[in-house]
């Protein structure tokens, strides 16, 4: 597992861009098809598990059916820091 992104909210907006010379047929984030806008930009809100990593799988499918998959992890952290005095 790569290093997760830490956040302090139970929702997170995953966003990015995707392009291909054959065009983009579809973009999927955690089994949900997401609209791709002008210039290949996209965004999608996800709900996060509390105090554990949530796996985010992003798949882009080009016009001829080739698939690229990227996996990221987001950690919803509700625990404060340890403080020793």
C-alpha atoms as a PDB file:
ATOM      1  CA  UNK A   1       0.000   0.000   0.000  1.00  0.00           C
ATOM      2  CA  UNK A   2       1.319   3.440  -0.898  1.00  0.00           C
ATOM      3  CA  UNK A   3       1.245   6.284   1.637  1.00  0.00           C
ATOM      4  CA  UNK A   4      -2.338   7.419   2.249  1.00  0.00           C
ATOM      5  CA  UNK A   5      -3.606  10.976   2.112  1.00  0.00           C
ATOM      6  CA  UNK A   6      -4.819  11.991   5.597  1.00  0.00           C
ATOM      7  CA  UNK A   7      -7.980  14.090   5.960  1.00  0.00           C
ATOM      8  CA  UNK A   8     -10.246  15.216   8.814  1.00  0.00           C
ATOM      9  CA  UNK A   9     -13.580  14.757   7.050  1.00  0.00           C
ATOM     10  CA  UNK A  10     -15.657  11.685   6.223  1.00  0.00           C
ATOM     11  CA  UNK A  11     -15.985  12.787   2.604  1.00  0.00           C
ATOM     12  CA  UNK A  12     -13.259  13.380   0.056  1.00  0.00           C
ATOM     13  CA  UNK A  13     -13.275  14.720  -3.490  1.00  0.00           C
ATOM     14  CA  UNK A  14     -11.152  12.643  -5.834  1.00  0.00           C
ATOM     15  CA  UNK A  15     -10.263  14.620  -8.953  1.00  0.00           C
ATOM     16  CA  UNK A  16      -7.915  14.596 -11.899  1.00  0.00           C
ATOM     17  CA  UNK A  17      -7.669  14.596 -15.665  1.00  0.00           C
ATOM     18  CA  UNK A  18      -7.561  11.881 -18.289  1.00  0.00           C
ATOM     19  CA  UNK A  19      -6.793  12.073 -22.003  1.00  0.00           C
ATOM     20  CA  UNK A  20      -6.092   9.711 -24.867  1.00  0.00           C
ATOM     21  CA  UNK A  21      -5.692  10.138 -28.630  1.00  0.00           C
ATOM     22  CA  UNK A  22      -8.618   7.715 -29.169  1.00  0.00           C
ATOM     23  CA  UNK A  23     -10.790   9.590 -26.650  1.00  0.00           C
ATOM     24  CA  UNK A  24     -12.049   8.514 -23.240  1.00  0.00           C
ATOM     25  CA  UNK A  25     -14.931   6.048 -23.310  1.00  0.00           C
ATOM     26  CA  UNK A  26     -15.519   6.104 -19.548  1.00  0.00           C
ATOM     27  CA  UNK A  27     -13.969   6.836 -16.175  1.00  0.00           C
ATOM     28  CA  UNK A  28     -14.830   4.778 -13.095  1.00  0.00           C
ATOM     29  CA  UNK A  29     -14.148   5.640  -9.436  1.00  0.00           C
ATOM     30  CA  UNK A  30     -14.855   2.781  -6.992  1.00  0.00           C
ATOM     31  CA  UNK A  31     -17.380   1.135  -9.340  1.00  0.00           C
ATOM     32  CA  UNK A  32     -19.194   4.423 -10.123  1.00  0.00           C
ATOM     33  CA  UNK A  33     -19.013   5.867 -13.638  1.00  0.00           C
ATOM     34  CA  UNK A  34     -17.951   9.529 -13.521  1.00  0.00           C
ATOM     35  CA  UNK A  35     -18.497  12.188 -16.193  1.00  0.00           C
ATOM     36  CA  UNK A  36     -15.385  13.520 -17.909  1.00  0.00           C
ATOM     37  CA  UNK A  37     -15.530  17.215 -18.752  1.00  0.00           C
ATOM     38  CA  UNK A  38     -13.786  19.463 -21.235  1.00  0.00           C
ATOM     39  CA  UNK A  39     -10.051  18.869 -21.319  1.00  0.00           C
ATOM     40  CA  UNK A  40     -10.486  15.506 -19.593  1.00  0.00           C
ATOM     41  CA  UNK A  41     -11.176  16.904 -16.113  1.00  0.00           C
ATOM     42  CA  UNK A  42     -13.274  14.932 -13.642  1.00  0.00           C
ATOM     43  CA  UNK A  43     -14.164  14.837  -9.934  1.00  0.00           C
ATOM     44  CA  UNK A  44     -16.134  12.536  -7.658  1.00  0.00           C
ATOM     45  CA  UNK A  45     -17.034  12.645  -3.953  1.00  0.00           C
ATOM     46  CA  UNK A  46     -16.511   9.504  -1.877  1.00  0.00           C
ATOM     47  CA  UNK A  47     -17.377   8.590   1.702  1.00  0.00           C
ATOM     48  CA  UNK A  48     -14.504   7.426   3.905  1.00  0.00           C
ATOM     49  CA  UNK A  49     -14.233   4.756   6.574  1.00  0.00           C
ATOM     50  CA  UNK A  50     -13.439   6.153  10.047  1.00  0.00           C
ATOM     51  CA  UNK A  51      -9.871   5.774  11.367  1.00  0.00           C
ATOM     52  CA  UNK A  52      -8.791   3.440   8.601  1.00  0.00           C
ATOM     53  CA  UNK A  53      -7.666   3.706   4.992  1.00  0.00           C
ATOM     54  CA  UNK A  54     -10.265   3.757   2.236  1.00  0.00           C
ATOM     55  CA  UNK A  55      -9.092   2.301  -1.060  1.00  0.00           C
ATOM     56  CA  UNK A  56      -9.873   4.468  -4.082  1.00  0.00           C
ATOM     57  CA  UNK A  57      -9.679   2.729  -7.452  1.00  0.00           C
ATOM     58  CA  UNK A  58      -9.766   4.948 -10.545  1.00  0.00           C
ATOM     59  CA  UNK A  59     -10.048   3.403 -14.009  1.00  0.00           C
ATOM     60  CA  UNK A  60      -9.950   5.192 -17.353  1.00  0.00           C
ATOM     61  CA  UNK A  61     -11.101   3.346 -20.467  1.00  0.00           C
ATOM     62  CA  UNK A  62     -10.028   4.778 -23.812  1.00  0.00           C
ATOM     63  CA  UNK A  63     -11.935   4.717 -27.096  1.00  0.00           C
ATOM     64  CA  UNK A  64     -10.562   1.301 -28.118  1.00  0.00           C
ATOM     65  CA  UNK A  65     -11.029  -0.385 -24.734  1.00  0.00           C
ATOM     66  CA  UNK A  66      -7.568  -0.053 -23.149  1.00  0.00           C
ATOM     67  CA  UNK A  67      -7.786   0.387 -19.369  1.00  0.00           C
ATOM     68  CA  UNK A  68      -5.468   2.274 -17.025  1.00  0.00           C
ATOM     69  CA  UNK A  69      -5.982   1.755 -13.289  1.00  0.00           C
ATOM     70  CA  UNK A  70      -4.651   3.916 -10.447  1.00  0.00           C
ATOM     71  CA  UNK A  71      -5.130   3.029  -6.775  1.00  0.00           C
ATOM     72  CA  UNK A  72      -4.865   5.545  -3.949  1.00  0.00           C
ATOM     73  CA  UNK A  73      -5.687   5.391  -0.237  1.00  0.00           C
ATOM     74  CA  UNK A  74      -7.357   8.105   1.845  1.00  0.00           C
ATOM     75  CA  UNK A  75      -7.348   7.966   5.664  1.00  0.00           C
ATOM     76  CA  UNK A  76     -10.095   9.703   7.671  1.00  0.00           C
ATOM     77  CA  UNK A  77      -8.233  10.534  10.886  1.00  0.00           C
ATOM     78  CA  UNK A  78     -10.359  11.403  13.937  1.00  0.00           C
ATOM     79  CA  UNK A  79      -7.685  10.815  16.566  1.00  0.00           C
ATOM     80  CA  UNK A  80      -5.766  13.766  17.997  1.00  0.00           C
ATOM     81  CA  UNK A  81      -2.001  13.817  18.351  1.00  0.00           C
ATOM     82  CA  UNK A  82      -0.152  12.274  21.272  1.00  0.00           C
ATOM     83  CA  UNK A  83       1.213  14.925  23.617  1.00  0.00           C
ATOM     84  CA  UNK A  84       3.806  14.197  26.259  1.00  0.00           C
ATOM     85  CA  UNK A  85       4.576  16.888  28.834  1.00  0.00           C
END
